N, C-alpha and C. Protein backbone atom coordinates (compact mmCIF):
# COMPACT_ATOMS: atom_id res chain seq x y z
N MET A 1 115.07 90.39 105.68
CA MET A 1 114.53 89.13 106.20
C MET A 1 113.22 89.32 107.01
N ILE A 2 113.18 90.42 107.76
CA ILE A 2 112.04 90.74 108.55
C ILE A 2 110.80 90.95 107.62
N GLY A 3 111.13 91.72 106.56
CA GLY A 3 110.05 91.97 105.50
C GLY A 3 109.51 90.70 104.89
N TYR A 4 110.33 89.73 104.59
CA TYR A 4 109.90 88.44 104.04
C TYR A 4 109.02 87.72 105.18
N SER A 5 109.41 87.73 106.33
CA SER A 5 108.67 86.98 107.46
C SER A 5 107.27 87.70 107.51
N ILE A 6 107.32 89.00 107.51
CA ILE A 6 105.94 89.69 107.63
C ILE A 6 105.04 89.34 106.45
N SER A 7 105.69 89.26 105.25
CA SER A 7 104.93 88.98 104.00
C SER A 7 104.37 87.56 104.08
N ILE A 8 105.19 86.62 104.53
CA ILE A 8 104.74 85.23 104.64
C ILE A 8 103.58 85.13 105.65
N PHE A 9 103.77 85.83 106.77
CA PHE A 9 102.69 85.77 107.82
C PHE A 9 101.35 86.39 107.19
N SER A 10 101.53 87.56 106.44
CA SER A 10 100.43 88.19 105.92
C SER A 10 99.72 87.36 104.86
N ILE A 11 100.46 86.63 104.02
CA ILE A 11 99.82 85.73 103.03
C ILE A 11 99.13 84.59 103.71
N ALA A 12 99.70 84.12 104.77
CA ALA A 12 99.12 82.93 105.57
C ALA A 12 97.79 83.38 106.20
N LEU A 13 97.82 84.66 106.75
CA LEU A 13 96.64 85.18 107.52
C LEU A 13 95.61 85.41 106.45
N ALA A 14 95.91 85.98 105.30
CA ALA A 14 94.90 86.28 104.27
C ALA A 14 94.25 84.97 103.75
N ALA A 15 95.10 83.93 103.62
CA ALA A 15 94.52 82.64 103.14
C ALA A 15 93.58 82.06 104.18
N PHE A 16 94.00 82.15 105.49
CA PHE A 16 93.17 81.71 106.60
C PHE A 16 91.76 82.38 106.70
N LEU A 17 91.86 83.72 106.63
CA LEU A 17 90.68 84.60 106.64
C LEU A 17 89.79 84.30 105.44
N SER A 18 90.39 84.07 104.21
CA SER A 18 89.58 83.76 103.09
C SER A 18 88.78 82.41 103.27
N TYR A 19 89.39 81.53 104.01
CA TYR A 19 88.76 80.22 104.29
C TYR A 19 87.67 80.46 105.33
N ILE A 20 88.05 81.17 106.35
CA ILE A 20 87.03 81.40 107.41
C ILE A 20 85.74 82.09 106.95
N LEU A 21 86.00 83.12 105.99
CA LEU A 21 84.92 83.87 105.37
C LEU A 21 84.27 83.15 104.28
N SER A 22 84.59 81.98 103.96
CA SER A 22 84.01 81.15 102.93
C SER A 22 84.29 81.80 101.49
N LYS A 23 85.37 82.43 101.34
CA LYS A 23 85.72 82.93 100.06
C LYS A 23 86.53 81.95 99.27
N LEU A 24 87.29 81.05 100.07
CA LEU A 24 88.08 79.95 99.43
C LEU A 24 87.81 78.74 100.28
N THR A 25 87.77 77.54 99.51
CA THR A 25 87.77 76.24 100.27
C THR A 25 88.99 76.03 100.98
N ALA A 26 89.19 74.99 101.73
CA ALA A 26 90.41 74.71 102.48
C ALA A 26 91.57 74.62 101.46
N TRP A 27 91.41 73.73 100.45
CA TRP A 27 92.44 73.57 99.56
C TRP A 27 92.62 74.70 98.63
N GLY A 28 91.59 75.49 98.42
CA GLY A 28 91.67 76.78 97.69
C GLY A 28 92.62 77.72 98.43
N ALA A 29 92.43 77.80 99.74
CA ALA A 29 93.28 78.66 100.61
C ALA A 29 94.71 78.28 100.56
N VAL A 30 94.99 76.94 100.62
CA VAL A 30 96.39 76.47 100.59
C VAL A 30 97.02 76.83 99.24
N ILE A 31 96.35 76.51 98.18
CA ILE A 31 96.88 76.77 96.86
C ILE A 31 96.98 78.25 96.64
N GLY A 32 96.05 79.04 97.15
CA GLY A 32 96.07 80.53 97.01
C GLY A 32 97.31 81.02 97.63
N ALA A 33 97.68 80.51 98.87
CA ALA A 33 98.92 80.98 99.54
C ALA A 33 100.09 80.72 98.78
N ILE A 34 100.16 79.47 98.20
CA ILE A 34 101.34 79.02 97.41
C ILE A 34 101.40 79.98 96.19
N VAL A 35 100.33 80.29 95.48
CA VAL A 35 100.33 81.15 94.35
C VAL A 35 100.78 82.54 94.75
N ALA A 36 100.32 83.01 95.90
CA ALA A 36 100.67 84.37 96.34
C ALA A 36 102.23 84.44 96.70
N MET A 37 102.79 83.31 97.32
CA MET A 37 104.13 83.29 97.56
C MET A 37 105.06 83.33 96.43
N LEU A 38 104.61 82.52 95.30
CA LEU A 38 105.42 82.49 94.13
C LEU A 38 105.37 83.89 93.36
N ILE A 39 104.24 84.52 93.48
CA ILE A 39 104.17 85.84 92.82
C ILE A 39 105.04 86.88 93.65
N PHE A 40 105.06 86.64 94.92
CA PHE A 40 105.82 87.54 95.80
C PHE A 40 107.29 87.43 95.59
N VAL A 41 107.90 86.24 95.48
CA VAL A 41 109.26 86.05 95.28
C VAL A 41 109.75 86.55 93.93
N GLY A 42 108.80 86.56 92.96
CA GLY A 42 109.26 87.13 91.68
C GLY A 42 108.89 88.59 91.42
N ALA A 43 107.89 89.01 91.94
CA ALA A 43 107.35 90.45 91.73
C ALA A 43 107.21 91.31 92.86
N GLY A 44 107.54 90.76 94.05
CA GLY A 44 107.59 91.63 95.25
C GLY A 44 106.17 92.08 95.69
N TYR A 45 106.24 93.29 96.45
CA TYR A 45 104.96 93.69 96.90
C TYR A 45 103.96 94.20 95.79
N ALA A 46 104.48 94.75 94.67
CA ALA A 46 103.62 95.07 93.67
C ALA A 46 102.85 93.92 93.06
N GLY A 47 103.58 92.77 92.99
CA GLY A 47 102.91 91.50 92.53
C GLY A 47 101.77 91.16 93.54
N LEU A 48 102.05 91.25 94.83
CA LEU A 48 101.01 90.89 95.75
C LEU A 48 99.85 91.85 95.65
N MET A 49 100.19 93.10 95.43
CA MET A 49 99.11 94.16 95.38
C MET A 49 98.15 93.83 94.08
N GLN A 50 98.79 93.35 93.00
CA GLN A 50 98.10 92.95 91.84
C GLN A 50 97.12 91.75 92.16
N LEU A 51 97.66 90.79 92.76
CA LEU A 51 96.86 89.62 93.15
C LEU A 51 95.71 90.02 94.10
N ALA A 52 96.06 90.86 95.17
CA ALA A 52 94.99 91.27 96.10
C ALA A 52 93.96 92.08 95.37
N ALA A 53 94.39 92.91 94.39
CA ALA A 53 93.39 93.64 93.65
C ALA A 53 92.42 92.84 92.91
N PHE A 54 93.07 91.78 92.22
CA PHE A 54 92.21 90.79 91.54
C PHE A 54 91.24 90.15 92.48
N PHE A 55 91.73 89.62 93.59
CA PHE A 55 90.86 88.85 94.50
C PHE A 55 89.71 89.71 95.11
N ILE A 56 90.11 90.96 95.45
CA ILE A 56 89.15 91.77 96.15
C ILE A 56 88.06 92.24 95.02
N LEU A 57 88.53 92.68 93.88
CA LEU A 57 87.58 93.09 92.88
C LEU A 57 86.68 92.01 92.43
N SER A 58 87.21 90.83 92.22
CA SER A 58 86.50 89.65 91.83
C SER A 58 85.46 89.19 92.96
N THR A 59 85.85 89.30 94.16
CA THR A 59 84.97 88.91 95.27
C THR A 59 83.79 89.94 95.33
N LEU A 60 84.13 91.11 95.18
CA LEU A 60 83.08 92.16 95.25
C LEU A 60 82.12 92.07 94.05
N ALA A 61 82.63 91.83 92.89
CA ALA A 61 81.83 91.71 91.71
C ALA A 61 80.92 90.49 91.73
N THR A 62 81.48 89.29 92.36
CA THR A 62 80.63 88.07 92.52
C THR A 62 79.57 88.27 93.48
N SER A 63 79.87 88.99 94.50
CA SER A 63 78.80 89.16 95.51
C SER A 63 77.81 90.31 95.18
N HIS A 64 78.16 91.13 94.30
CA HIS A 64 77.34 92.29 94.04
C HIS A 64 75.98 91.88 93.41
N LYS A 65 74.95 92.35 94.00
CA LYS A 65 73.59 91.98 93.53
C LYS A 65 73.38 90.43 93.30
N LYS A 66 73.86 89.69 94.24
CA LYS A 66 73.77 88.20 94.10
C LYS A 66 72.40 87.73 94.06
N GLN A 67 71.45 88.20 94.82
CA GLN A 67 70.10 87.90 94.78
C GLN A 67 69.46 88.10 93.41
N GLU A 68 69.83 89.26 92.86
CA GLU A 68 69.27 89.63 91.53
C GLU A 68 69.77 88.58 90.46
N LYS A 69 71.06 88.20 90.60
CA LYS A 69 71.56 87.23 89.68
C LYS A 69 70.83 85.85 89.82
N LYS A 70 70.48 85.57 91.02
CA LYS A 70 69.83 84.21 91.21
C LYS A 70 68.39 84.32 90.63
N LYS A 71 67.69 85.48 90.80
CA LYS A 71 66.39 85.63 90.18
C LYS A 71 66.40 85.61 88.66
N LEU A 72 67.48 86.09 88.05
CA LEU A 72 67.60 85.99 86.59
C LEU A 72 68.24 84.70 86.21
N SER A 73 68.54 83.84 87.15
CA SER A 73 69.10 82.50 86.78
C SER A 73 70.44 82.71 86.09
N LEU A 74 71.25 83.67 86.42
CA LEU A 74 72.46 83.84 85.80
C LEU A 74 73.56 82.93 86.50
N PRO A 75 74.42 82.29 85.58
CA PRO A 75 75.44 81.34 86.13
C PRO A 75 76.37 81.99 87.09
N GLY A 76 77.22 82.93 86.62
CA GLY A 76 78.17 83.63 87.57
C GLY A 76 79.19 82.71 88.13
N GLU A 77 80.07 83.31 88.89
CA GLU A 77 81.10 82.56 89.56
C GLU A 77 80.59 82.08 90.90
N GLN A 78 81.18 80.96 91.42
CA GLN A 78 80.84 80.50 92.78
C GLN A 78 81.47 81.49 93.79
N SER A 79 80.71 81.78 94.84
CA SER A 79 81.16 82.69 95.81
C SER A 79 82.33 82.12 96.58
N THR A 80 82.40 80.78 96.78
CA THR A 80 83.51 80.15 97.39
C THR A 80 84.35 79.40 96.33
N ARG A 81 85.59 79.87 96.05
CA ARG A 81 86.34 79.30 95.07
C ARG A 81 87.29 78.13 95.57
N ASP A 82 87.36 77.14 94.66
CA ASP A 82 88.10 75.98 95.11
C ASP A 82 89.53 76.04 94.50
N ALA A 83 90.33 75.06 94.70
CA ALA A 83 91.73 75.12 94.36
C ALA A 83 91.89 75.15 92.80
N TRP A 84 90.98 74.47 92.06
CA TRP A 84 91.15 74.51 90.59
C TRP A 84 90.80 75.92 90.08
N GLN A 85 89.87 76.49 90.68
CA GLN A 85 89.61 77.92 90.27
C GLN A 85 90.79 78.86 90.57
N VAL A 86 91.43 78.68 91.64
CA VAL A 86 92.60 79.43 92.07
C VAL A 86 93.74 79.20 91.03
N VAL A 87 93.93 77.98 90.68
CA VAL A 87 94.97 77.68 89.70
C VAL A 87 94.61 78.19 88.31
N ALA A 88 93.35 78.08 87.96
CA ALA A 88 92.92 78.60 86.59
C ALA A 88 93.14 80.08 86.46
N ASN A 89 92.92 80.85 87.50
CA ASN A 89 93.01 82.28 87.47
C ASN A 89 94.40 82.80 87.81
N GLY A 90 95.10 82.08 88.72
CA GLY A 90 96.41 82.66 89.20
C GLY A 90 97.55 81.75 88.92
N GLY A 91 97.36 80.56 88.25
CA GLY A 91 98.45 79.69 87.99
C GLY A 91 99.54 80.25 87.08
N ILE A 92 99.07 80.90 85.96
CA ILE A 92 100.08 81.49 85.04
C ILE A 92 100.83 82.57 85.72
N ALA A 93 100.20 83.44 86.52
CA ALA A 93 100.88 84.49 87.30
C ALA A 93 101.95 83.89 88.24
N ALA A 94 101.64 82.73 88.80
CA ALA A 94 102.54 82.06 89.74
C ALA A 94 103.76 81.54 88.97
N ILE A 95 103.52 80.98 87.80
CA ILE A 95 104.65 80.52 86.99
C ILE A 95 105.48 81.69 86.58
N CYS A 96 104.94 82.75 86.19
CA CYS A 96 105.68 83.91 85.76
C CYS A 96 106.50 84.52 86.91
N GLY A 97 105.91 84.52 88.17
CA GLY A 97 106.69 84.98 89.29
C GLY A 97 107.89 84.11 89.56
N THR A 98 107.69 82.86 89.38
CA THR A 98 108.75 81.83 89.70
C THR A 98 109.88 82.07 88.62
N LEU A 99 109.48 82.25 87.33
CA LEU A 99 110.51 82.53 86.30
C LEU A 99 111.27 83.85 86.50
N ALA A 100 110.53 84.90 86.96
CA ALA A 100 111.19 86.12 87.24
C ALA A 100 112.19 86.03 88.32
N TRP A 101 111.90 85.18 89.26
CA TRP A 101 112.89 84.89 90.44
C TRP A 101 114.03 84.06 89.94
N LEU A 102 113.84 83.05 89.13
CA LEU A 102 114.88 82.25 88.65
C LEU A 102 115.80 82.95 87.59
N SER A 103 115.32 83.92 86.85
CA SER A 103 115.99 84.52 85.82
C SER A 103 115.89 86.07 85.87
N PRO A 104 116.63 86.68 86.83
CA PRO A 104 116.57 88.12 87.03
C PRO A 104 116.86 88.90 85.80
N PRO A 105 117.73 88.49 84.92
CA PRO A 105 117.92 89.35 83.62
C PRO A 105 116.74 89.48 82.84
N ASN A 106 115.79 88.55 82.91
CA ASN A 106 114.54 88.61 82.11
C ASN A 106 113.32 88.87 82.94
N ALA A 107 113.64 89.44 84.11
CA ALA A 107 112.51 89.77 85.06
C ALA A 107 111.44 90.64 84.50
N LEU A 108 111.83 91.70 83.75
CA LEU A 108 110.93 92.66 83.16
C LEU A 108 109.91 91.92 82.34
N TYR A 109 110.28 91.03 81.45
CA TYR A 109 109.38 90.30 80.59
C TYR A 109 108.30 89.42 81.44
N PHE A 110 108.84 88.79 82.49
CA PHE A 110 108.03 87.95 83.33
C PHE A 110 107.03 88.79 84.17
N HIS A 111 107.56 89.97 84.56
CA HIS A 111 106.65 90.92 85.30
C HIS A 111 105.42 91.34 84.38
N LEU A 112 105.83 91.63 83.15
CA LEU A 112 104.80 92.01 82.15
C LEU A 112 103.77 90.92 82.01
N MET A 113 104.28 89.74 81.83
CA MET A 113 103.46 88.51 81.54
C MET A 113 102.50 88.23 82.85
N LEU A 114 103.15 88.30 84.01
CA LEU A 114 102.39 88.13 85.17
C LEU A 114 101.20 89.08 85.29
N ALA A 115 101.55 90.38 85.08
CA ALA A 115 100.50 91.39 85.25
C ALA A 115 99.40 91.18 84.15
N ALA A 116 99.87 90.80 82.96
CA ALA A 116 98.81 90.63 81.80
C ALA A 116 97.93 89.50 82.17
N SER A 117 98.39 88.38 82.75
CA SER A 117 97.53 87.30 83.13
C SER A 117 96.49 87.74 84.16
N LEU A 118 96.93 88.46 85.15
CA LEU A 118 96.09 88.94 86.21
C LEU A 118 95.10 89.99 85.63
N ALA A 119 95.55 90.76 84.73
CA ALA A 119 94.71 91.77 84.07
C ALA A 119 93.52 91.10 83.37
N SER A 120 93.87 89.95 82.64
CA SER A 120 92.89 89.26 81.91
C SER A 120 91.91 88.61 82.86
N ALA A 121 92.40 88.04 83.95
CA ALA A 121 91.50 87.37 84.85
C ALA A 121 90.53 88.32 85.53
N THR A 122 91.11 89.54 85.85
CA THR A 122 90.26 90.59 86.42
C THR A 122 89.17 91.15 85.41
N ALA A 123 89.63 91.23 84.22
CA ALA A 123 88.69 91.79 83.24
C ALA A 123 87.62 90.82 82.97
N ASP A 124 87.93 89.49 82.86
CA ASP A 124 86.99 88.49 82.59
C ASP A 124 85.90 88.43 83.72
N THR A 125 86.32 88.42 84.93
CA THR A 125 85.36 88.31 86.06
C THR A 125 84.49 89.57 86.17
N LEU A 126 85.11 90.67 85.99
CA LEU A 126 84.27 91.93 86.14
C LEU A 126 83.32 92.05 85.15
N SER A 127 83.80 91.84 83.79
CA SER A 127 82.94 91.98 82.73
C SER A 127 81.76 91.06 82.70
N SER A 128 81.98 89.75 83.14
CA SER A 128 80.90 88.81 83.20
C SER A 128 79.92 89.07 84.36
N GLU A 129 80.50 89.27 85.48
CA GLU A 129 79.65 89.46 86.76
C GLU A 129 78.87 90.72 86.70
N LEU A 130 79.59 91.89 86.32
CA LEU A 130 78.81 93.11 86.42
C LEU A 130 78.11 93.42 85.14
N GLY A 131 78.67 92.87 83.97
CA GLY A 131 77.93 93.12 82.71
C GLY A 131 76.63 92.46 82.60
N SER A 132 76.57 91.33 83.32
CA SER A 132 75.30 90.55 83.26
C SER A 132 74.20 91.27 84.01
N VAL A 133 74.58 92.15 85.01
CA VAL A 133 73.60 92.86 85.84
C VAL A 133 73.33 94.23 85.12
N TYR A 134 74.25 94.93 84.67
CA TYR A 134 74.12 96.35 84.17
C TYR A 134 74.03 96.43 82.66
N GLY A 135 74.29 95.39 81.98
CA GLY A 135 74.27 95.36 80.48
C GLY A 135 72.80 95.58 80.01
N ARG A 136 72.68 96.27 78.88
CA ARG A 136 71.36 96.45 78.33
C ARG A 136 71.12 95.69 77.09
N ARG A 137 72.10 95.47 76.25
CA ARG A 137 71.97 94.67 75.01
C ARG A 137 73.13 93.63 75.05
N PHE A 138 72.76 92.40 74.70
CA PHE A 138 73.80 91.32 74.82
C PHE A 138 73.94 90.65 73.45
N TYR A 139 75.23 90.37 73.09
CA TYR A 139 75.57 89.89 71.77
C TYR A 139 76.54 88.70 71.84
N ASN A 140 76.36 87.74 70.99
CA ASN A 140 77.27 86.64 70.93
C ASN A 140 78.57 87.22 70.19
N ILE A 141 79.69 87.10 70.84
CA ILE A 141 80.91 87.69 70.38
C ILE A 141 81.41 87.13 69.06
N VAL A 142 81.02 85.92 68.66
CA VAL A 142 81.41 85.35 67.43
C VAL A 142 80.47 85.76 66.24
N THR A 143 79.22 85.65 66.53
CA THR A 143 78.21 85.95 65.39
C THR A 143 77.80 87.44 65.42
N LEU A 144 78.05 88.14 66.64
CA LEU A 144 77.67 89.53 66.77
C LEU A 144 76.12 89.71 66.68
N LYS A 145 75.44 88.53 66.80
CA LYS A 145 73.91 88.59 66.89
C LYS A 145 73.44 88.71 68.32
N PRO A 146 72.21 89.30 68.54
CA PRO A 146 71.68 89.25 69.91
C PRO A 146 71.69 87.84 70.47
N ASP A 147 71.96 87.81 71.75
CA ASP A 147 71.98 86.48 72.45
C ASP A 147 71.47 86.59 73.83
N VAL A 148 71.46 85.50 74.62
CA VAL A 148 70.88 85.42 75.91
C VAL A 148 71.85 85.87 76.95
N ARG A 149 71.50 86.69 77.84
CA ARG A 149 72.30 87.28 78.88
C ARG A 149 72.78 86.13 79.73
N GLY A 150 74.12 86.09 80.03
CA GLY A 150 74.71 85.12 80.93
C GLY A 150 75.19 83.85 80.26
N GLU A 151 74.83 83.63 78.94
CA GLU A 151 75.34 82.52 78.24
C GLU A 151 76.80 82.69 77.93
N ASP A 152 77.57 81.62 77.84
CA ASP A 152 78.90 81.56 77.43
C ASP A 152 79.19 82.34 76.13
N GLY A 153 80.14 83.26 76.18
CA GLY A 153 80.52 83.99 74.98
C GLY A 153 79.65 85.14 74.66
N VAL A 154 78.74 85.46 75.57
CA VAL A 154 77.75 86.60 75.38
C VAL A 154 78.40 87.86 76.04
N VAL A 155 78.46 89.02 75.30
CA VAL A 155 79.07 90.15 75.92
C VAL A 155 78.12 91.34 75.75
N SER A 156 78.40 92.43 76.50
CA SER A 156 77.68 93.69 76.46
C SER A 156 78.66 94.78 76.50
N LEU A 157 78.21 96.01 76.00
CA LEU A 157 79.07 97.20 75.98
C LEU A 157 79.47 97.52 77.43
N GLU A 158 78.47 97.50 78.31
CA GLU A 158 78.69 97.84 79.74
C GLU A 158 79.71 96.94 80.38
N GLY A 159 79.51 95.63 80.12
CA GLY A 159 80.46 94.65 80.68
C GLY A 159 81.87 94.72 80.13
N SER A 160 81.97 95.05 78.85
CA SER A 160 83.25 95.25 78.19
C SER A 160 83.98 96.41 78.79
N ILE A 161 83.31 97.53 78.98
CA ILE A 161 83.91 98.72 79.63
C ILE A 161 84.39 98.40 81.06
N THR A 162 83.54 97.68 81.77
CA THR A 162 83.88 97.30 83.17
C THR A 162 85.17 96.38 83.16
N GLY A 163 85.25 95.53 82.19
CA GLY A 163 86.43 94.61 82.03
C GLY A 163 87.66 95.43 81.77
N VAL A 164 87.62 96.42 80.83
CA VAL A 164 88.77 97.27 80.59
C VAL A 164 89.21 97.94 81.80
N SER A 165 88.29 98.48 82.56
CA SER A 165 88.63 99.14 83.73
C SER A 165 89.28 98.37 84.81
N GLY A 166 88.85 97.09 84.90
CA GLY A 166 89.55 96.16 85.83
C GLY A 166 90.94 95.89 85.30
N ALA A 167 91.18 95.75 84.07
CA ALA A 167 92.58 95.49 83.46
C ALA A 167 93.42 96.71 83.76
N ALA A 168 92.92 97.85 83.65
CA ALA A 168 93.55 99.12 83.82
C ALA A 168 94.11 99.17 85.28
N ILE A 169 93.30 98.77 86.27
CA ILE A 169 93.70 98.91 87.65
C ILE A 169 95.02 98.00 87.83
N ILE A 170 94.94 96.77 87.36
CA ILE A 170 96.09 95.90 87.44
C ILE A 170 97.34 96.47 86.71
N ALA A 171 97.11 97.09 85.61
CA ALA A 171 98.16 97.68 84.83
C ALA A 171 98.84 98.83 85.57
N LEU A 172 98.08 99.58 86.17
CA LEU A 172 98.63 100.75 86.95
C LEU A 172 99.42 100.31 88.17
N ILE A 173 98.94 99.27 88.78
CA ILE A 173 99.78 98.68 89.87
C ILE A 173 101.05 98.10 89.43
N ALA A 174 100.98 97.39 88.30
CA ALA A 174 102.16 96.74 87.75
C ALA A 174 103.20 97.71 87.31
N GLN A 175 102.80 98.90 87.07
CA GLN A 175 103.81 99.99 86.56
C GLN A 175 104.83 100.28 87.65
N ILE A 176 104.57 100.00 88.89
CA ILE A 176 105.46 100.15 89.94
C ILE A 176 106.67 99.21 89.74
N ASN A 177 106.47 98.00 89.39
CA ASN A 177 107.55 97.04 89.19
C ASN A 177 108.38 97.44 87.87
N THR A 178 107.69 97.72 86.88
CA THR A 178 108.40 97.85 85.61
C THR A 178 109.10 99.25 85.52
N THR A 179 108.59 100.19 86.31
CA THR A 179 109.34 101.51 86.41
C THR A 179 110.66 101.30 87.11
N ALA A 180 110.61 100.41 88.11
CA ALA A 180 111.82 100.12 88.83
C ALA A 180 112.89 99.49 88.00
N LEU A 181 112.40 98.77 86.93
CA LEU A 181 113.25 98.05 85.98
C LEU A 181 113.56 98.97 84.78
N GLY A 182 113.21 100.22 84.86
CA GLY A 182 113.50 101.12 83.78
C GLY A 182 112.63 101.14 82.63
N TYR A 183 111.33 100.63 82.75
CA TYR A 183 110.40 100.55 81.68
C TYR A 183 109.16 101.28 82.05
N ASN A 184 108.66 102.16 81.15
CA ASN A 184 107.61 103.11 81.54
C ASN A 184 106.35 102.93 80.67
N LYS A 185 106.31 101.89 79.84
CA LYS A 185 105.19 101.69 78.89
C LYS A 185 104.37 100.47 79.34
N ALA A 186 104.47 100.06 80.55
CA ALA A 186 103.81 98.83 80.94
C ALA A 186 102.26 98.94 80.86
N VAL A 187 101.76 100.14 81.25
CA VAL A 187 100.32 100.32 81.39
C VAL A 187 99.65 99.95 80.06
N VAL A 188 100.14 100.46 79.00
CA VAL A 188 99.50 100.25 77.66
C VAL A 188 99.58 98.80 77.25
N ILE A 189 100.69 98.15 77.44
CA ILE A 189 100.86 96.80 77.03
C ILE A 189 100.06 95.89 77.92
N ILE A 190 100.04 96.06 79.16
CA ILE A 190 99.24 95.15 80.05
C ILE A 190 97.81 95.39 79.87
N LEU A 191 97.31 96.61 79.64
CA LEU A 191 95.89 96.88 79.40
C LEU A 191 95.43 96.20 78.09
N ALA A 192 96.27 96.34 77.03
CA ALA A 192 96.00 95.69 75.82
C ALA A 192 95.98 94.12 75.92
N ALA A 193 96.91 93.60 76.57
CA ALA A 193 97.02 92.13 76.69
C ALA A 193 95.85 91.60 77.55
N GLY A 194 95.52 92.28 78.70
CA GLY A 194 94.50 91.91 79.53
C GLY A 194 93.11 91.93 78.79
N THR A 195 92.97 92.99 78.01
CA THR A 195 91.63 93.14 77.23
C THR A 195 91.58 92.06 76.14
N LEU A 196 92.69 91.80 75.48
CA LEU A 196 92.74 90.76 74.42
C LEU A 196 92.42 89.38 75.08
N GLY A 197 93.07 89.18 76.29
CA GLY A 197 92.78 87.87 76.91
C GLY A 197 91.31 87.74 77.24
N ASN A 198 90.65 88.75 77.68
CA ASN A 198 89.24 88.72 78.01
C ASN A 198 88.37 88.44 76.71
N ILE A 199 88.85 89.01 75.59
CA ILE A 199 88.05 88.72 74.27
C ILE A 199 88.24 87.23 73.97
N ILE A 200 89.43 86.79 74.12
CA ILE A 200 89.75 85.27 73.87
C ILE A 200 88.92 84.44 74.70
N ASP A 201 88.72 84.78 76.02
CA ASP A 201 87.89 84.12 76.93
C ASP A 201 86.51 83.96 76.30
N SER A 202 85.96 85.12 75.82
CA SER A 202 84.53 85.15 75.37
C SER A 202 84.36 84.25 74.09
N VAL A 203 85.44 84.38 73.21
CA VAL A 203 85.48 83.55 72.05
C VAL A 203 85.41 82.00 72.39
N LEU A 204 86.30 81.62 73.37
CA LEU A 204 86.38 80.28 73.68
C LEU A 204 85.00 79.90 74.37
N GLY A 205 84.36 80.72 75.10
CA GLY A 205 83.10 80.44 75.65
C GLY A 205 82.08 80.26 74.65
N ALA A 206 82.04 81.10 73.58
CA ALA A 206 80.97 81.04 72.56
C ALA A 206 81.23 79.77 71.69
N THR A 207 82.44 79.21 71.70
CA THR A 207 82.67 78.06 70.76
C THR A 207 82.83 76.79 71.57
N LEU A 208 84.07 76.54 72.11
CA LEU A 208 84.38 75.30 72.74
C LEU A 208 83.66 75.00 74.00
N GLU A 209 83.48 76.06 74.87
CA GLU A 209 82.77 75.77 76.14
C GLU A 209 81.20 75.50 75.87
N ARG A 210 80.64 76.27 75.04
CA ARG A 210 79.25 76.00 74.77
C ARG A 210 78.92 74.62 74.24
N ARG A 211 79.86 74.13 73.55
CA ARG A 211 79.72 72.83 72.93
C ARG A 211 80.12 71.69 73.88
N GLY A 212 80.57 72.06 75.02
CA GLY A 212 80.99 71.06 76.03
C GLY A 212 82.33 70.45 75.93
N TYR A 213 83.15 71.03 75.09
CA TYR A 213 84.46 70.48 74.85
C TYR A 213 85.41 70.85 76.00
N ILE A 214 85.21 72.01 76.57
CA ILE A 214 86.05 72.45 77.78
C ILE A 214 85.16 73.17 78.73
N GLY A 215 85.69 73.14 80.00
CA GLY A 215 84.91 73.82 81.08
C GLY A 215 85.42 75.23 81.36
N ASN A 216 84.79 75.85 82.39
CA ASN A 216 85.09 77.24 82.71
C ASN A 216 86.65 77.42 83.24
N ASN A 217 87.00 76.50 83.95
CA ASN A 217 88.39 76.53 84.57
C ASN A 217 89.34 76.51 83.45
N THR A 218 89.12 75.66 82.49
CA THR A 218 90.03 75.58 81.31
C THR A 218 90.01 76.82 80.52
N VAL A 219 88.88 77.44 80.35
CA VAL A 219 88.76 78.70 79.62
C VAL A 219 89.60 79.79 80.36
N ASN A 220 89.45 79.78 81.67
CA ASN A 220 90.16 80.81 82.40
C ASN A 220 91.63 80.72 82.34
N ALA A 221 92.13 79.40 82.44
CA ALA A 221 93.59 79.16 82.27
C ALA A 221 93.98 79.54 80.88
N MET A 222 93.26 79.32 79.87
CA MET A 222 93.69 79.59 78.53
C MET A 222 93.66 81.11 78.29
N ASN A 223 92.68 81.82 78.83
CA ASN A 223 92.67 83.32 78.65
C ASN A 223 93.83 83.96 79.33
N THR A 224 94.23 83.49 80.56
CA THR A 224 95.29 84.17 81.24
C THR A 224 96.70 83.77 80.52
N PHE A 225 96.74 82.55 79.98
CA PHE A 225 97.98 82.16 79.27
C PHE A 225 98.07 83.03 78.01
N ALA A 226 96.98 83.21 77.32
CA ALA A 226 96.99 84.03 76.10
C ALA A 226 97.44 85.37 76.37
N ALA A 227 96.89 86.02 77.44
CA ALA A 227 97.30 87.37 77.69
C ALA A 227 98.76 87.48 78.06
N ALA A 228 99.26 86.53 78.77
CA ALA A 228 100.68 86.48 79.23
C ALA A 228 101.59 86.33 77.96
């Protein structure tokens, strides 16, 4: 009981600090706290560690060389995320956490799905934010022809490698949960699902998002769902 109280306090404190430091809007902080709680009840401390890893890595990647991104007129993520962005990136993980809590016999599957969604969200943010800065050659993921850096659906080798690395970090943390449930192959599955989700994100960006049919939040929600 004390552990839960400490966790609730820690989540509330993290949400408050994220708001004070302008990393989340007021509603973004509230929804973020709810998402964190739902992940915690289903996946415990390892789930919170995955969410924290995603948030910290994404924040650092978004802030990295921010002035250079502005000079290059790169779109990038907003430094202060709102409630819709929180839902788009963490909503699927929250649902999976809730399902793991409600259905303990199937917890392993929901833990894998939760981790896969966060791995995809992490891979997407890192590949786009850091790839746009460090990439050398940029290609449209659908046509495979050279394309403009920063445009929807444009990828680079450097960005892709960074994305895979981000997904790997989430996968390694998730292994804590799945090992406790007697499953030792989570890293490979989560890494593959997170990478595939990132690829789907780029394909959606190059097609539906570029044509104005859907927005970035919808793309993020779809790629995390696909990975899960």
